[in-house]
């Protein structure tokens, strides 16, 4: 850091523990949505619309890889 250089809000990073908590919270939220979609699709929605249940299952199948990417996004090495 050079003399006379002031840090602005955009330059200061959050502590690693806060970033980890935020990523973990997002991971569990996405996986929770995945579980809810699967349970609702095959226990409730399939009674009225099989197509909607299949679409919900496809969305639920895409969420775990997205959750893994979110959980490891910006991982410090």
C-alpha atoms as a PDB file:
ATOM      1  CA  UNK A   1       0.000   0.000   0.000  1.00  0.00           C
ATOM      2  CA  UNK A   2       1.406   3.347  -0.977  1.00  0.00           C
ATOM      3  CA  UNK A   3       1.414   6.360   1.205  1.00  0.00           C
ATOM      4  CA  UNK A   4      -1.694   8.484   1.029  1.00  0.00           C
ATOM      5  CA  UNK A   5      -3.712   5.663  -0.512  1.00  0.00           C
ATOM      6  CA  UNK A   6      -7.060   5.259   1.212  1.00  0.00           C
ATOM      7  CA  UNK A   7      -9.010   2.020   1.158  1.00  0.00           C
ATOM      8  CA  UNK A   8     -12.545   2.226  -0.100  1.00  0.00           C
ATOM      9  CA  UNK A   9     -15.359  -0.188   0.684  1.00  0.00           C
ATOM     10  CA  UNK A  10     -14.819  -2.111  -2.547  1.00  0.00           C
ATOM     11  CA  UNK A  11     -11.182  -2.883  -1.807  1.00  0.00           C
ATOM     12  CA  UNK A  12     -11.628  -4.468   1.606  1.00  0.00           C
ATOM     13  CA  UNK A  13     -12.379  -8.188   1.528  1.00  0.00           C
ATOM     14  CA  UNK A  14     -14.739  -9.945   3.906  1.00  0.00           C
ATOM     15  CA  UNK A  15     -13.070 -12.286   6.417  1.00  0.00           C
ATOM     16  CA  UNK A  16     -12.704 -15.849   5.202  1.00  0.00           C
ATOM     17  CA  UNK A  17     -15.061 -17.177   7.879  1.00  0.00           C
ATOM     18  CA  UNK A  18     -17.843 -14.852   6.689  1.00  0.00           C
ATOM     19  CA  UNK A  19     -17.305 -15.882   3.060  1.00  0.00           C
ATOM     20  CA  UNK A  20     -17.383 -19.554   4.062  1.00  0.00           C
ATOM     21  CA  UNK A  21     -20.615 -19.083   6.036  1.00  0.00           C
ATOM     22  CA  UNK A  22     -22.244 -17.300   3.098  1.00  0.00           C
ATOM     23  CA  UNK A  23     -21.198 -19.998   0.616  1.00  0.00           C
ATOM     24  CA  UNK A  24     -22.330 -22.762   2.991  1.00  0.00           C
ATOM     25  CA  UNK A  25     -25.690 -21.049   3.497  1.00  0.00           C
ATOM     26  CA  UNK A  26     -26.218 -20.811  -0.265  1.00  0.00           C
ATOM     27  CA  UNK A  27     -25.222 -24.465  -0.710  1.00  0.00           C
ATOM     28  CA  UNK A  28     -27.687 -25.717   1.890  1.00  0.00           C
ATOM     29  CA  UNK A  29     -30.433 -23.454   0.549  1.00  0.00           C
ATOM     30  CA  UNK A  30     -29.984 -24.791  -2.994  1.00  0.00           C
ATOM     31  CA  UNK A  31     -29.861 -28.397  -1.802  1.00  0.00           C
ATOM     32  CA  UNK A  32     -32.972 -27.786   0.318  1.00  0.00           C
ATOM     33  CA  UNK A  33     -34.786 -26.453  -2.739  1.00  0.00           C
ATOM     34  CA  UNK A  34     -33.655 -29.554  -4.624  1.00  0.00           C
ATOM     35  CA  UNK A  35     -35.099 -31.876  -1.982  1.00  0.00           C
ATOM     36  CA  UNK A  36     -38.371 -29.942  -1.779  1.00  0.00           C
ATOM     37  CA  UNK A  37     -38.758 -30.055  -5.560  1.00  0.00           C
ATOM     38  CA  UNK A  38     -38.231 -33.821  -5.685  1.00  0.00           C
ATOM     39  CA  UNK A  39     -40.582 -34.551  -2.781  1.00  0.00           C
ATOM     40  CA  UNK A  40     -43.316 -32.273  -4.117  1.00  0.00           C
ATOM     41  CA  UNK A  41     -42.913 -33.482  -7.691  1.00  0.00           C
ATOM     42  CA  UNK A  42     -43.347 -37.175  -6.945  1.00  0.00           C
ATOM     43  CA  UNK A  43     -45.750 -37.006  -4.005  1.00  0.00           C
ATOM     44  CA  UNK A  44     -48.085 -34.147  -4.921  1.00  0.00           C
ATOM     45  CA  UNK A  45     -47.669 -32.711  -8.406  1.00  0.00           C
ATOM     46  CA  UNK A  46     -47.618 -36.049 -10.259  1.00  0.00           C
ATOM     47  CA  UNK A  47     -51.255 -36.597  -9.254  1.00  0.00           C
ATOM     48  CA  UNK A  48     -52.312 -33.647 -11.430  1.00  0.00           C
ATOM     49  CA  UNK A  49     -49.589 -33.337 -14.057  1.00  0.00           C
ATOM     50  CA  UNK A  50     -46.880 -35.826 -14.878  1.00  0.00           C
ATOM     51  CA  UNK A  51     -45.221 -33.322 -17.211  1.00  0.00           C
ATOM     52  CA  UNK A  52     -44.912 -30.746 -14.435  1.00  0.00           C
ATOM     53  CA  UNK A  53     -43.464 -33.403 -12.116  1.00  0.00           C
ATOM     54  CA  UNK A  54     -40.851 -34.351 -14.711  1.00  0.00           C
ATOM     55  CA  UNK A  55     -39.930 -30.685 -15.281  1.00  0.00           C
ATOM     56  CA  UNK A  56     -39.568 -30.187 -11.526  1.00  0.00           C
ATOM     57  CA  UNK A  57     -37.340 -33.258 -11.359  1.00  0.00           C
ATOM     58  CA  UNK A  58     -35.134 -31.974 -14.180  1.00  0.00           C
ATOM     59  CA  UNK A  59     -34.717 -28.655 -12.376  1.00  0.00           C
ATOM     60  CA  UNK A  60     -33.906 -30.566  -9.174  1.00  0.00           C
ATOM     61  CA  UNK A  61     -31.300 -32.612 -11.068  1.00  0.00           C
ATOM     62  CA  UNK A  62     -29.541 -29.456 -12.279  1.00  0.00           C
ATOM     63  CA  UNK A  63     -29.358 -27.832  -8.829  1.00  0.00           C
ATOM     64  CA  UNK A  64     -26.686 -30.039  -7.127  1.00  0.00           C
ATOM     65  CA  UNK A  65     -23.896 -29.160  -9.609  1.00  0.00           C
ATOM     66  CA  UNK A  66     -24.854 -25.491  -9.323  1.00  0.00           C
ATOM     67  CA  UNK A  67     -24.763 -25.790  -5.526  1.00  0.00           C
ATOM     68  CA  UNK A  68     -21.283 -27.348  -5.699  1.00  0.00           C
ATOM     69  CA  UNK A  69     -20.026 -24.518  -7.894  1.00  0.00           C
ATOM     70  CA  UNK A  70     -21.517 -21.923  -5.530  1.00  0.00           C
ATOM     71  CA  UNK A  71     -19.968 -23.662  -2.501  1.00  0.00           C
ATOM     72  CA  UNK A  72     -16.494 -23.582  -4.091  1.00  0.00           C
ATOM     73  CA  UNK A  73     -16.723 -20.180  -5.772  1.00  0.00           C
ATOM     74  CA  UNK A  74     -13.748 -17.990  -4.932  1.00  0.00           C
ATOM     75  CA  UNK A  75     -12.130 -20.630  -2.732  1.00  0.00           C
ATOM     76  CA  UNK A  76      -8.846 -19.364  -1.312  1.00  0.00           C
ATOM     77  CA  UNK A  77      -5.926 -21.673  -1.994  1.00  0.00           C
END
